[in-house]
Amino acid sequence: MRLDEVRPPKGSRRPRTRVGRGSSAGGGKTAGRGQKGQGARSSWSLPRGFEGGQMPLTQRVPKLRGFYNRFRVEYQVVNCAKLSRFAAGTEVDAEALRKAGLVRRVGAPVKLLAGGSATIPALTLRVNRASRAAIEVIRAAGGEVVLIAAAPPAEEAADSNS
């Protein structure tokens, strides 16, 4: 088979209906436009997006209010300067941070940032995320940053158990 031999399936291509050519032709008198009204007129048009008087989608959707990402992971932020309250050689995790009043919830993931300029003791930090600068600050102080995987949110954990 060659390209010039290819034909569309029988009955898939029909000739266009020539309307307004008399009643016996099948598209006479009103020529498929119905009776009177806006659609029967010669140069009628509607605005783009017109929905027949219903409030258009572009007006129903809120404008300039942003969008809520339900999959967003919100981290509790801890700056390096706040870690000066811990003793040297301490292993600091989410529970220790909560007891020190640096984070509110133990279940939420913790991110370490390099903000502040206090002297930091040598600590072993167990956090979910850390900026490069924060890791450098902790290592310069003789400490270590251990990145741990974030625990799944409470809803997902409940779904996977059932």
C-alpha atoms as a PDB file:
ATOM      1  CA  MET A   1       0.000   0.000   0.000  1.00  0.00           C
ATOM      2  CA  ARG A   2       1.255   3.454  -0.948  1.00  0.00           C
ATOM      3  CA  LEU A   3       0.368   6.832   0.473  1.00  0.00           C
ATOM      4  CA  ASP A   4      -1.685   7.774  -2.602  1.00  0.00           C
ATOM      5  CA  GLU A   5      -3.790   4.625  -2.174  1.00  0.00           C
ATOM      6  CA  VAL A   6      -4.895   5.451   1.380  1.00  0.00           C
ATOM      7  CA  ARG A   7      -8.627   6.216   1.569  1.00  0.00           C
ATOM      8  CA  PRO A   8     -10.817   7.099   4.538  1.00  0.00           C
ATOM      9  CA  PRO A   9     -13.267   4.394   5.696  1.00  0.00           C
ATOM     10  CA  LYS A  10     -16.508   4.197   3.752  1.00  0.00           C
ATOM     11  CA  GLY A  11     -19.153   6.539   5.167  1.00  0.00           C
ATOM     12  CA  SER A  12     -16.755   8.533   7.376  1.00  0.00           C
ATOM     13  CA  ARG A  13     -16.605  11.491   4.974  1.00  0.00           C
ATOM     14  CA  ARG A  14     -19.903  13.062   4.012  1.00  0.00           C
ATOM     15  CA  PRO A  15     -20.514  16.017   1.704  1.00  0.00           C
ATOM     16  CA  ARG A  16     -21.386  19.260   3.507  1.00  0.00           C
ATOM     17  CA  THR A  17     -25.083  20.120   3.664  1.00  0.00           C
ATOM     18  CA  ARG A  18     -25.965  23.114   1.478  1.00  0.00           C
ATOM     19  CA  VAL A  19     -28.665  24.841   3.494  1.00  0.00           C
ATOM     20  CA  GLY A  20     -31.313  27.258   2.280  1.00  0.00           C
ATOM     21  CA  ARG A  21     -31.834  25.539  -1.055  1.00  0.00           C
ATOM     22  CA  GLY A  22     -35.527  24.662  -0.726  1.00  0.00           C
ATOM     23  CA  SER A  23     -37.611  22.372   1.472  1.00  0.00           C
ATOM     24  CA  SER A  24     -37.030  19.259  -0.662  1.00  0.00           C
ATOM     25  CA  ALA A  25     -33.264  19.595  -0.164  1.00  0.00           C
ATOM     26  CA  GLY A  26     -33.734  19.035   3.574  1.00  0.00           C
ATOM     27  CA  GLY A  27     -32.241  22.317   4.777  1.00  0.00           C
ATOM     28  CA  GLY A  28     -34.723  24.815   3.409  1.00  0.00           C
ATOM     29  CA  LYS A  29     -36.667  27.760   4.857  1.00  0.00           C
ATOM     30  CA  THR A  30     -34.952  28.419   8.195  1.00  0.00           C
ATOM     31  CA  ALA A  31     -31.820  26.556   7.065  1.00  0.00           C
ATOM     32  CA  GLY A  32     -31.256  24.773  10.382  1.00  0.00           C
ATOM     33  CA  ARG A  33     -31.340  28.001  12.415  1.00  0.00           C
ATOM     34  CA  GLY A  34     -34.698  27.318  14.037  1.00  0.00           C
ATOM     35  CA  GLN A  35     -37.379  29.996  14.317  1.00  0.00           C
ATOM     36  CA  LYS A  36     -36.820  33.609  15.392  1.00  0.00           C
ATOM     37  CA  GLY A  37     -34.231  34.727  17.898  1.00  0.00           C
ATOM     38  CA  GLN A  38     -30.588  35.697  18.184  1.00  0.00           C
ATOM     39  CA  GLY A  39     -29.323  32.531  16.504  1.00  0.00           C
ATOM     40  CA  ALA A  40     -31.568  33.063  13.486  1.00  0.00           C
ATOM     41  CA  ARG A  41     -30.111  36.469  12.655  1.00  0.00           C
ATOM     42  CA  SER A  42     -27.500  36.982   9.982  1.00  0.00           C
ATOM     43  CA  SER A  43     -24.601  38.400  11.979  1.00  0.00           C
ATOM     44  CA  TRP A  44     -25.213  37.224  15.504  1.00  0.00           C
ATOM     45  CA  SER A  45     -22.343  36.442  17.823  1.00  0.00           C
ATOM     46  CA  LEU A  46     -21.816  35.938  21.519  1.00  0.00           C
ATOM     47  CA  PRO A  47     -18.902  36.982  23.675  1.00  0.00           C
ATOM     48  CA  ARG A  48     -16.210  34.340  24.065  1.00  0.00           C
ATOM     49  CA  GLY A  49     -16.958  32.275  27.153  1.00  0.00           C
ATOM     50  CA  PHE A  50     -20.664  33.192  27.216  1.00  0.00           C
ATOM     51  CA  GLU A  51     -22.623  30.486  29.035  1.00  0.00           C
ATOM     52  CA  GLY A  52     -26.210  31.385  28.197  1.00  0.00           C
ATOM     53  CA  GLY A  53     -26.671  33.852  31.035  1.00  0.00           C
ATOM     54  CA  GLN A  54     -25.150  31.588  33.675  1.00  0.00           C
ATOM     55  CA  MET A  55     -22.276  33.205  35.581  1.00  0.00           C
ATOM     56  CA  PRO A  56     -19.245  32.489  33.354  1.00  0.00           C
ATOM     57  CA  LEU A  57     -16.451  30.258  34.611  1.00  0.00           C
ATOM     58  CA  THR A  58     -13.952  33.126  34.458  1.00  0.00           C
ATOM     59  CA  GLN A  59     -16.094  35.072  36.921  1.00  0.00           C
ATOM     60  CA  ARG A  60     -16.884  32.100  39.159  1.00  0.00           C
ATOM     61  CA  VAL A  61     -13.207  31.318  39.762  1.00  0.00           C
ATOM     62  CA  PRO A  62     -11.707  33.469  42.526  1.00  0.00           C
ATOM     63  CA  LYS A  63      -9.202  36.037  41.326  1.00  0.00           C
ATOM     64  CA  LEU A  64      -5.907  36.971  42.974  1.00  0.00           C
ATOM     65  CA  ARG A  65      -6.491  34.755  45.981  1.00  0.00           C
ATOM     66  CA  GLY A  66      -3.801  32.217  45.225  1.00  0.00           C
ATOM     67  CA  PHE A  67      -4.131  28.502  45.476  1.00  0.00           C
ATOM     68  CA  TYR A  68      -3.879  26.072  48.374  1.00  0.00           C
ATOM     69  CA  ASN A  69      -1.506  23.188  47.751  1.00  0.00           C
ATOM     70  CA  ARG A  70      -2.859  20.348  49.848  1.00  0.00           C
ATOM     71  CA  PHE A  71       0.353  18.343  49.381  1.00  0.00           C
ATOM     72  CA  ARG A  72       2.617  21.075  50.792  1.00  0.00           C
ATOM     73  CA  VAL A  73       4.994  19.973  53.527  1.00  0.00           C
ATOM     74  CA  GLU A  74       5.328  22.693  56.144  1.00  0.00           C
ATOM     75  CA  TYR A  75       8.594  22.579  58.047  1.00  0.00           C
ATOM     76  CA  GLN A  76       9.235  23.961  61.533  1.00  0.00           C
ATOM     77  CA  VAL A  77      12.260  26.217  61.169  1.00  0.00           C
ATOM     78  CA  VAL A  78      15.104  26.313  63.688  1.00  0.00           C
ATOM     79  CA  ASN A  79      18.002  28.761  63.322  1.00  0.00           C
ATOM     80  CA  CYS A  80      21.525  27.720  64.325  1.00  0.00           C
ATOM     81  CA  ALA A  81      21.890  30.650  66.739  1.00  0.00           C
ATOM     82  CA  LYS A  82      19.126  29.183  68.924  1.00  0.00           C
ATOM     83  CA  LEU A  83      21.119  25.972  69.439  1.00  0.00           C
ATOM     84  CA  SER A  84      23.519  27.665  71.878  1.00  0.00           C
ATOM     85  CA  ARG A  85      21.193  26.645  74.759  1.00  0.00           C
ATOM     86  CA  PHE A  86      22.203  22.973  74.363  1.00  0.00           C
ATOM     87  CA  ALA A  87      25.275  21.485  76.059  1.00  0.00           C
ATOM     88  CA  ALA A  88      28.191  20.289  73.908  1.00  0.00           C
ATOM     89  CA  GLY A  89      27.973  16.654  72.787  1.00  0.00           C
ATOM     90  CA  THR A  90      24.171  16.535  73.099  1.00  0.00           C
ATOM     91  CA  GLU A  91      22.116  14.664  70.516  1.00  0.00           C
ATOM     92  CA  VAL A  92      19.347  17.056  69.490  1.00  0.00           C
ATOM     93  CA  ASP A  93      16.189  15.711  67.833  1.00  0.00           C
ATOM     94  CA  ALA A  94      12.588  16.957  67.465  1.00  0.00           C
ATOM     95  CA  GLU A  95      11.716  15.963  71.034  1.00  0.00           C
ATOM     96  CA  ALA A  96      14.693  17.873  72.477  1.00  0.00           C
ATOM     97  CA  LEU A  97      13.834  20.894  70.330  1.00  0.00           C
ATOM     98  CA  ARG A  98      10.247  20.794  71.601  1.00  0.00           C
ATOM     99  CA  LYS A  99      11.368  20.588  75.237  1.00  0.00           C
ATOM    100  CA  ALA A 100      13.650  23.586  74.635  1.00  0.00           C
ATOM    101  CA  GLY A 101      10.692  25.493  73.142  1.00  0.00           C
ATOM    102  CA  LEU A 102      12.198  25.799  69.653  1.00  0.00           C
ATOM    103  CA  VAL A 103       9.462  23.841  67.845  1.00  0.00           C
ATOM    104  CA  ARG A 104       5.802  23.363  68.658  1.00  0.00           C
ATOM    105  CA  ARG A 105       4.944  19.916  67.299  1.00  0.00           C
ATOM    106  CA  VAL A 106       7.084  16.771  67.445  1.00  0.00           C
ATOM    107  CA  GLY A 107       5.349  15.113  64.471  1.00  0.00           C
ATOM    108  CA  ALA A 108       5.982  17.942  61.996  1.00  0.00           C
ATOM    109  CA  PRO A 109       9.291  17.901  60.058  1.00  0.00           C
ATOM    110  CA  VAL A 110      12.102  20.219  61.189  1.00  0.00           C
ATOM    111  CA  LYS A 111      14.378  22.299  58.984  1.00  0.00           C
ATOM    112  CA  LEU A 112      17.662  23.758  60.187  1.00  0.00           C
ATOM    113  CA  LEU A 113      18.708  27.180  58.882  1.00  0.00           C
ATOM    114  CA  ALA A 114      21.949  29.105  59.410  1.00  0.00           C
ATOM    115  CA  GLY A 115      20.356  32.271  60.821  1.00  0.00           C
ATOM    116  CA  GLY A 116      21.997  34.184  63.675  1.00  0.00           C
ATOM    117  CA  SER A 117      25.560  34.573  64.890  1.00  0.00           C
ATOM    118  CA  ALA A 118      25.797  32.945  68.341  1.00  0.00           C
ATOM    119  CA  THR A 119      28.555  30.466  69.226  1.00  0.00           C
ATOM    120  CA  ILE A 120      27.277  26.938  68.798  1.00  0.00           C
ATOM    121  CA  PRO A 121      28.539  23.930  70.783  1.00  0.00           C
ATOM    122  CA  ALA A 122      29.438  20.666  69.042  1.00  0.00           C
ATOM    123  CA  LEU A 123      26.048  18.928  68.656  1.00  0.00           C
ATOM    124  CA  THR A 124      24.631  15.955  66.793  1.00  0.00           C
ATOM    125  CA  LEU A 125      21.434  17.190  65.144  1.00  0.00           C
ATOM    126  CA  ARG A 126      18.747  14.868  63.809  1.00  0.00           C
ATOM    127  CA  VAL A 127      16.537  16.933  61.474  1.00  0.00           C
ATOM    128  CA  ASN A 128      14.513  16.354  58.296  1.00  0.00           C
ATOM    129  CA  ARG A 129      16.097  19.147  56.267  1.00  0.00           C
ATOM    130  CA  ALA A 130      19.019  21.537  56.596  1.00  0.00           C
ATOM    131  CA  SER A 131      20.405  24.316  54.453  1.00  0.00           C
ATOM    132  CA  ARG A 132      23.961  24.001  53.138  1.00  0.00           C
ATOM    133  CA  ALA A 133      25.050  27.010  55.182  1.00  0.00           C
ATOM    134  CA  ALA A 134      23.566  25.483  58.365  1.00  0.00           C
ATOM    135  CA  ILE A 135      25.425  22.205  57.791  1.00  0.00           C
ATOM    136  CA  GLU A 136      28.683  24.130  57.328  1.00  0.00           C
ATOM    137  CA  VAL A 137      28.093  26.129  60.545  1.00  0.00           C
ATOM    138  CA  ILE A 138      27.446  22.961  62.576  1.00  0.00           C
ATOM    139  CA  ARG A 139      30.466  21.152  61.084  1.00  0.00           C
ATOM    140  CA  ALA A 140      32.681  24.189  61.745  1.00  0.00           C
ATOM    141  CA  ALA A 141      31.614  23.994  65.397  1.00  0.00           C
ATOM    142  CA  GLY A 142      32.643  20.309  65.469  1.00  0.00           C
ATOM    143  CA  GLY A 143      29.113  18.934  65.309  1.00  0.00           C
ATOM    144  CA  GLU A 144      27.251  16.697  62.897  1.00  0.00           C
ATOM    145  CA  VAL A 145      23.930  16.952  61.020  1.00  0.00           C
ATOM    146  CA  VAL A 146      22.029  13.704  60.429  1.00  0.00           C
ATOM    147  CA  LEU A 147      19.175  14.026  57.927  1.00  0.00           C
ATOM    148  CA  ILE A 148      16.233  11.749  58.676  1.00  0.00           C
ATOM    149  CA  ALA A 149      13.247  10.910  56.466  1.00  0.00           C
ATOM    150  CA  ALA A 150      10.069  12.834  57.258  1.00  0.00           C
ATOM    151  CA  ALA A 151       7.292  10.806  58.894  1.00  0.00           C
ATOM    152  CA  PRO A 152       4.106  10.653  56.786  1.00  0.00           C
ATOM    153  CA  PRO A 153       1.242  12.931  57.888  1.00  0.00           C
ATOM    154  CA  ALA A 154      -1.285  11.471  60.322  1.00  0.00           C
ATOM    155  CA  GLU A 155      -3.998  10.891  57.629  1.00  0.00           C
ATOM    156  CA  GLU A 156      -1.632   8.959  55.348  1.00  0.00           C
ATOM    157  CA  ALA A 157      -0.335   6.834  58.226  1.00  0.00           C
ATOM    158  CA  ALA A 158      -3.924   5.946  59.210  1.00  0.00           C
ATOM    159  CA  ASP A 159      -4.811   5.050  55.585  1.00  0.00           C
ATOM    160  CA  SER A 160      -1.810   2.741  55.148  1.00  0.00           C
ATOM    161  CA  ASN A 161      -2.632   0.784  58.353  1.00  0.00           C
ATOM    162  CA  SER A 162      -6.229   0.005  57.358  1.00  0.00           C
END
